[in-house]
Amino acid sequence: MDYFWLRPLLHYFLHLIFPIVIAYVFFRKDWRKAYLIMLGTMIVDADHLFSTPIFAPDRLSINFHLLHTYWAMGIYVLLLFFKGAPRIIGVGLLFHMLTDWIDYQLIM
């Protein structure tokens, strides 16, 4: 059976729906605000516009695109040590990186 449809479904579920769970579990008091901030971290994918081709389904984003590098992820980890919005942004960006890594693992 061909599961070609599963990859994009899982990818967008992890990018768009699962952050609601993260927001509710870790930022319960302001989970709606946390969810919207995490959705805003999707702007990190703007770095794909500087690549040729912009989208390559078999390419791992991690350490390829500027905002998906290990150096950038180090900064995202540092955001976890702040309170409020910076922490939420750090969680959103790191989960975004995890989602992109999971997506790539599905094609290997």
N, C-alpha and C. Protein backbone atom coordinates (compact mmCIF):
# COMPACT_ATOMS: atom_id res chain seq x y z
N MET A 1 0.84 -1.18 0.00
CA MET A 1 0.00 0.00 0.00
C MET A 1 0.88 1.24 0.00
N ASP A 2 0.49 2.23 -0.75
CA ASP A 2 1.28 3.45 -0.89
C ASP A 2 0.82 4.50 0.12
N TYR A 3 1.76 5.00 0.90
CA TYR A 3 1.44 5.99 1.93
C TYR A 3 1.98 7.37 1.59
N PHE A 4 2.03 7.71 0.31
CA PHE A 4 2.59 9.00 -0.11
C PHE A 4 1.82 10.17 0.49
N TRP A 5 0.55 9.97 0.79
CA TRP A 5 -0.30 11.03 1.33
C TRP A 5 -0.02 11.27 2.81
N LEU A 6 0.59 10.28 3.49
CA LEU A 6 0.82 10.39 4.93
C LEU A 6 1.84 11.46 5.28
N ARG A 7 2.88 11.59 4.48
CA ARG A 7 3.96 12.53 4.80
C ARG A 7 3.47 13.97 4.90
N PRO A 8 2.81 14.52 3.87
CA PRO A 8 2.35 15.92 4.02
C PRO A 8 1.29 16.07 5.10
N LEU A 9 0.45 15.05 5.26
CA LEU A 9 -0.57 15.12 6.30
C LEU A 9 0.07 15.21 7.68
N LEU A 10 1.04 14.36 7.95
CA LEU A 10 1.74 14.40 9.23
C LEU A 10 2.52 15.70 9.40
N HIS A 11 3.19 16.13 8.33
CA HIS A 11 3.99 17.35 8.38
C HIS A 11 3.13 18.56 8.78
N TYR A 12 2.02 18.73 8.12
CA TYR A 12 1.19 19.90 8.43
C TYR A 12 0.42 19.74 9.73
N PHE A 13 0.12 18.50 10.11
CA PHE A 13 -0.48 18.27 11.42
C PHE A 13 0.50 18.73 12.51
N LEU A 14 1.76 18.34 12.37
CA LEU A 14 2.77 18.72 13.37
C LEU A 14 3.04 20.22 13.37
N HIS A 15 2.97 20.85 12.20
CA HIS A 15 3.22 22.29 12.13
C HIS A 15 2.02 23.12 12.61
N LEU A 16 0.81 22.68 12.34
CA LEU A 16 -0.35 23.53 12.57
C LEU A 16 -1.25 23.10 13.73
N ILE A 17 -1.39 21.80 13.95
CA ILE A 17 -2.34 21.33 14.96
C ILE A 17 -1.66 20.94 16.27
N PHE A 18 -0.56 20.20 16.22
CA PHE A 18 0.08 19.73 17.44
C PHE A 18 0.57 20.88 18.34
N PRO A 19 0.96 22.03 17.80
CA PRO A 19 1.32 23.14 18.71
C PRO A 19 0.19 23.56 19.66
N ILE A 20 -1.05 23.24 19.33
CA ILE A 20 -2.15 23.51 20.28
C ILE A 20 -1.93 22.66 21.54
N VAL A 21 -1.55 21.41 21.35
CA VAL A 21 -1.29 20.52 22.48
C VAL A 21 -0.11 21.04 23.30
N ILE A 22 0.96 21.43 22.62
CA ILE A 22 2.13 21.97 23.31
C ILE A 22 1.75 23.22 24.10
N ALA A 23 1.00 24.11 23.47
CA ALA A 23 0.59 25.35 24.13
C ALA A 23 -0.26 25.06 25.35
N TYR A 24 -1.18 24.12 25.22
CA TYR A 24 -2.06 23.81 26.35
C TYR A 24 -1.32 23.13 27.50
N VAL A 25 -0.40 22.24 27.18
CA VAL A 25 0.33 21.51 28.22
C VAL A 25 1.35 22.40 28.94
N PHE A 26 2.10 23.21 28.18
CA PHE A 26 3.20 23.96 28.78
C PHE A 26 2.87 25.42 29.12
N PHE A 27 1.85 25.96 28.47
CA PHE A 27 1.49 27.37 28.70
C PHE A 27 -0.01 27.49 28.93
N ARG A 28 -0.52 26.66 29.84
CA ARG A 28 -1.96 26.51 30.02
C ARG A 28 -2.68 27.82 30.30
N LYS A 29 -2.08 28.69 31.08
CA LYS A 29 -2.74 29.95 31.45
C LYS A 29 -3.04 30.80 30.21
N ASP A 30 -2.08 30.89 29.29
CA ASP A 30 -2.25 31.69 28.07
C ASP A 30 -2.06 30.82 26.83
N TRP A 31 -2.72 29.66 26.79
CA TRP A 31 -2.46 28.71 25.72
C TRP A 31 -2.84 29.25 24.35
N ARG A 32 -3.87 30.08 24.26
CA ARG A 32 -4.26 30.63 22.95
C ARG A 32 -3.17 31.57 22.41
N LYS A 33 -2.68 32.42 23.29
CA LYS A 33 -1.59 33.34 22.91
C LYS A 33 -0.35 32.54 22.52
N ALA A 34 -0.02 31.52 23.31
CA ALA A 34 1.15 30.69 23.02
C ALA A 34 1.00 30.00 21.67
N TYR A 35 -0.19 29.50 21.39
CA TYR A 35 -0.42 28.83 20.10
C TYR A 35 -0.23 29.80 18.94
N LEU A 36 -0.76 31.00 19.06
CA LEU A 36 -0.61 31.98 17.98
C LEU A 36 0.85 32.38 17.79
N ILE A 37 1.59 32.52 18.88
CA ILE A 37 3.01 32.84 18.77
C ILE A 37 3.75 31.70 18.08
N MET A 38 3.42 30.46 18.47
CA MET A 38 4.08 29.31 17.82
C MET A 38 3.73 29.23 16.34
N LEU A 39 2.51 29.56 15.98
CA LEU A 39 2.18 29.62 14.56
C LEU A 39 3.00 30.70 13.86
N GLY A 40 3.24 31.80 14.56
CA GLY A 40 4.05 32.88 14.00
C GLY A 40 5.49 32.47 13.73
N THR A 41 5.96 31.46 14.46
CA THR A 41 7.34 31.02 14.22
C THR A 41 7.50 30.33 12.87
N MET A 42 6.41 30.10 12.18
CA MET A 42 6.48 29.51 10.82
C MET A 42 7.23 30.43 9.87
N ILE A 43 7.35 31.70 10.22
CA ILE A 43 8.06 32.65 9.38
C ILE A 43 9.51 32.21 9.19
N VAL A 44 9.99 31.31 10.04
CA VAL A 44 11.34 30.79 9.90
C VAL A 44 11.53 30.12 8.54
N ASP A 45 10.45 29.67 7.93
CA ASP A 45 10.55 29.03 6.61
C ASP A 45 10.80 30.03 5.49
N ALA A 46 10.84 31.31 5.80
CA ALA A 46 11.16 32.30 4.77
C ALA A 46 12.56 32.08 4.21
N ASP A 47 13.43 31.43 4.98
CA ASP A 47 14.78 31.17 4.47
C ASP A 47 14.80 30.20 3.30
N HIS A 48 13.71 29.49 3.08
CA HIS A 48 13.61 28.60 1.92
C HIS A 48 13.63 29.41 0.62
N LEU A 49 13.22 30.65 0.68
CA LEU A 49 13.16 31.49 -0.52
C LEU A 49 14.54 31.77 -1.10
N PHE A 50 15.59 31.59 -0.31
CA PHE A 50 16.95 31.85 -0.77
C PHE A 50 17.63 30.60 -1.32
N SER A 51 16.89 29.52 -1.44
CA SER A 51 17.44 28.27 -1.94
C SER A 51 16.98 28.00 -3.36
N THR A 52 17.79 27.23 -4.07
CA THR A 52 17.41 26.80 -5.41
C THR A 52 17.51 25.29 -5.46
N PRO A 53 16.43 24.60 -5.72
CA PRO A 53 15.05 25.10 -5.82
C PRO A 53 14.52 25.49 -4.44
N ILE A 54 13.47 26.29 -4.45
CA ILE A 54 12.89 26.74 -3.18
C ILE A 54 12.40 25.54 -2.37
N PHE A 55 11.75 24.60 -3.04
CA PHE A 55 11.26 23.40 -2.36
C PHE A 55 11.84 22.17 -3.04
N ALA A 56 12.46 21.34 -2.27
CA ALA A 56 12.95 20.05 -2.76
C ALA A 56 12.45 18.99 -1.78
N PRO A 57 11.51 18.15 -2.19
CA PRO A 57 10.88 17.22 -1.24
C PRO A 57 11.84 16.23 -0.59
N ASP A 58 12.98 15.98 -1.20
CA ASP A 58 13.92 15.02 -0.62
C ASP A 58 15.10 15.68 0.09
N ARG A 59 14.99 16.98 0.36
CA ARG A 59 16.08 17.71 1.01
C ARG A 59 15.78 17.90 2.50
N LEU A 60 16.78 17.67 3.33
CA LEU A 60 16.65 17.92 4.76
C LEU A 60 16.90 19.40 5.01
N SER A 61 15.93 20.07 5.59
CA SER A 61 16.06 21.51 5.88
C SER A 61 17.11 21.78 6.95
N ILE A 62 17.26 20.84 7.88
CA ILE A 62 18.17 21.04 9.00
C ILE A 62 19.60 21.17 8.50
N ASN A 63 20.21 22.27 8.89
CA ASN A 63 21.58 22.63 8.53
C ASN A 63 21.77 22.89 7.04
N PHE A 64 20.67 23.13 6.33
CA PHE A 64 20.76 23.53 4.93
C PHE A 64 20.34 24.99 4.78
N HIS A 65 19.19 25.32 5.32
CA HIS A 65 18.70 26.70 5.27
C HIS A 65 19.27 27.49 6.45
N LEU A 66 19.49 28.77 6.26
CA LEU A 66 20.13 29.62 7.25
C LEU A 66 19.47 29.56 8.64
N LEU A 67 18.16 29.69 8.68
CA LEU A 67 17.47 29.69 9.97
C LEU A 67 17.18 28.28 10.49
N HIS A 68 17.65 27.27 9.78
CA HIS A 68 17.51 25.88 10.20
C HIS A 68 18.86 25.27 10.56
N THR A 69 19.90 26.10 10.74
CA THR A 69 21.24 25.60 11.04
C THR A 69 21.36 25.27 12.53
N TYR A 70 22.40 24.53 12.85
CA TYR A 70 22.65 24.20 14.25
C TYR A 70 22.96 25.45 15.05
N TRP A 71 23.61 26.43 14.43
CA TRP A 71 23.89 27.70 15.11
C TRP A 71 22.59 28.41 15.48
N ALA A 72 21.66 28.44 14.54
CA ALA A 72 20.37 29.07 14.81
C ALA A 72 19.64 28.31 15.90
N MET A 73 19.70 26.99 15.85
CA MET A 73 19.03 26.18 16.89
C MET A 73 19.64 26.43 18.27
N GLY A 74 20.93 26.73 18.31
CA GLY A 74 21.55 27.09 19.58
C GLY A 74 20.93 28.34 20.16
N ILE A 75 20.65 29.30 19.31
CA ILE A 75 19.97 30.53 19.75
C ILE A 75 18.56 30.22 20.21
N TYR A 76 17.88 29.31 19.49
CA TYR A 76 16.52 28.93 19.88
C TYR A 76 16.53 28.28 21.26
N VAL A 77 17.56 27.48 21.55
CA VAL A 77 17.68 26.86 22.88
C VAL A 77 17.87 27.94 23.94
N LEU A 78 18.68 28.96 23.64
CA LEU A 78 18.89 30.05 24.60
C LEU A 78 17.58 30.78 24.93
N LEU A 79 16.67 30.86 23.97
CA LEU A 79 15.38 31.51 24.21
C LEU A 79 14.58 30.81 25.29
N LEU A 80 14.84 29.52 25.49
CA LEU A 80 14.11 28.77 26.51
C LEU A 80 14.40 29.26 27.92
N PHE A 81 15.52 29.96 28.11
CA PHE A 81 15.90 30.43 29.44
C PHE A 81 15.25 31.76 29.82
N PHE A 82 14.50 32.35 28.90
CA PHE A 82 13.76 33.58 29.18
C PHE A 82 12.33 33.21 29.53
N LYS A 83 11.62 34.16 30.11
CA LYS A 83 10.21 33.95 30.41
C LYS A 83 9.35 34.62 29.35
N GLY A 84 8.11 34.20 29.28
CA GLY A 84 7.14 34.84 28.40
C GLY A 84 7.32 34.48 26.95
N ALA A 85 7.13 35.49 26.09
CA ALA A 85 7.13 35.28 24.64
C ALA A 85 8.44 34.69 24.11
N PRO A 86 9.62 35.13 24.59
CA PRO A 86 10.84 34.50 24.06
C PRO A 86 10.88 32.99 24.27
N ARG A 87 10.41 32.52 25.41
CA ARG A 87 10.38 31.08 25.67
C ARG A 87 9.42 30.38 24.71
N ILE A 88 8.27 30.97 24.49
CA ILE A 88 7.29 30.38 23.58
C ILE A 88 7.86 30.34 22.17
N ILE A 89 8.54 31.39 21.77
CA ILE A 89 9.17 31.42 20.45
C ILE A 89 10.22 30.33 20.34
N GLY A 90 11.03 30.16 21.37
CA GLY A 90 12.04 29.11 21.38
C GLY A 90 11.43 27.73 21.25
N VAL A 91 10.36 27.49 22.00
CA VAL A 91 9.67 26.19 21.92
C VAL A 91 9.11 25.98 20.52
N GLY A 92 8.47 27.02 19.98
CA GLY A 92 7.90 26.91 18.64
C GLY A 92 8.95 26.64 17.57
N LEU A 93 10.07 27.34 17.65
CA LEU A 93 11.13 27.15 16.65
C LEU A 93 11.79 25.78 16.77
N LEU A 94 12.03 25.34 17.98
CA LEU A 94 12.64 24.02 18.16
C LEU A 94 11.69 22.91 17.74
N PHE A 95 10.41 23.06 18.02
CA PHE A 95 9.45 22.06 17.56
C PHE A 95 9.35 22.07 16.04
N HIS A 96 9.48 23.25 15.44
CA HIS A 96 9.50 23.36 13.98
C HIS A 96 10.67 22.56 13.40
N MET A 97 11.83 22.70 14.02
CA MET A 97 13.01 21.95 13.56
C MET A 97 12.79 20.44 13.70
N LEU A 98 12.20 20.03 14.82
CA LEU A 98 11.90 18.62 15.04
C LEU A 98 10.92 18.11 13.98
N THR A 99 9.92 18.90 13.68
CA THR A 99 8.95 18.52 12.65
C THR A 99 9.63 18.34 11.30
N ASP A 100 10.51 19.26 10.93
CA ASP A 100 11.21 19.13 9.65
C ASP A 100 12.10 17.90 9.62
N TRP A 101 12.73 17.58 10.76
CA TRP A 101 13.57 16.38 10.84
C TRP A 101 12.72 15.12 10.71
N ILE A 102 11.58 15.08 11.40
CA ILE A 102 10.68 13.93 11.31
C ILE A 102 10.22 13.75 9.88
N ASP A 103 9.86 14.85 9.22
CA ASP A 103 9.42 14.80 7.83
C ASP A 103 10.47 14.15 6.94
N TYR A 104 11.71 14.54 7.12
CA TYR A 104 12.79 13.96 6.32
C TYR A 104 12.98 12.48 6.62
N GLN A 105 12.83 12.09 7.87
CA GLN A 105 13.00 10.69 8.24
C GLN A 105 11.98 9.78 7.56
N LEU A 106 10.83 10.33 7.22
CA LEU A 106 9.79 9.53 6.56
C LEU A 106 10.16 9.15 5.13
N ILE A 107 11.08 9.90 4.51
CA ILE A 107 11.43 9.56 3.12
C ILE A 107 12.69 8.72 3.04
N MET A 108 13.38 8.52 4.14
CA MET A 108 14.60 7.72 4.12
C MET A 108 14.29 6.25 4.05
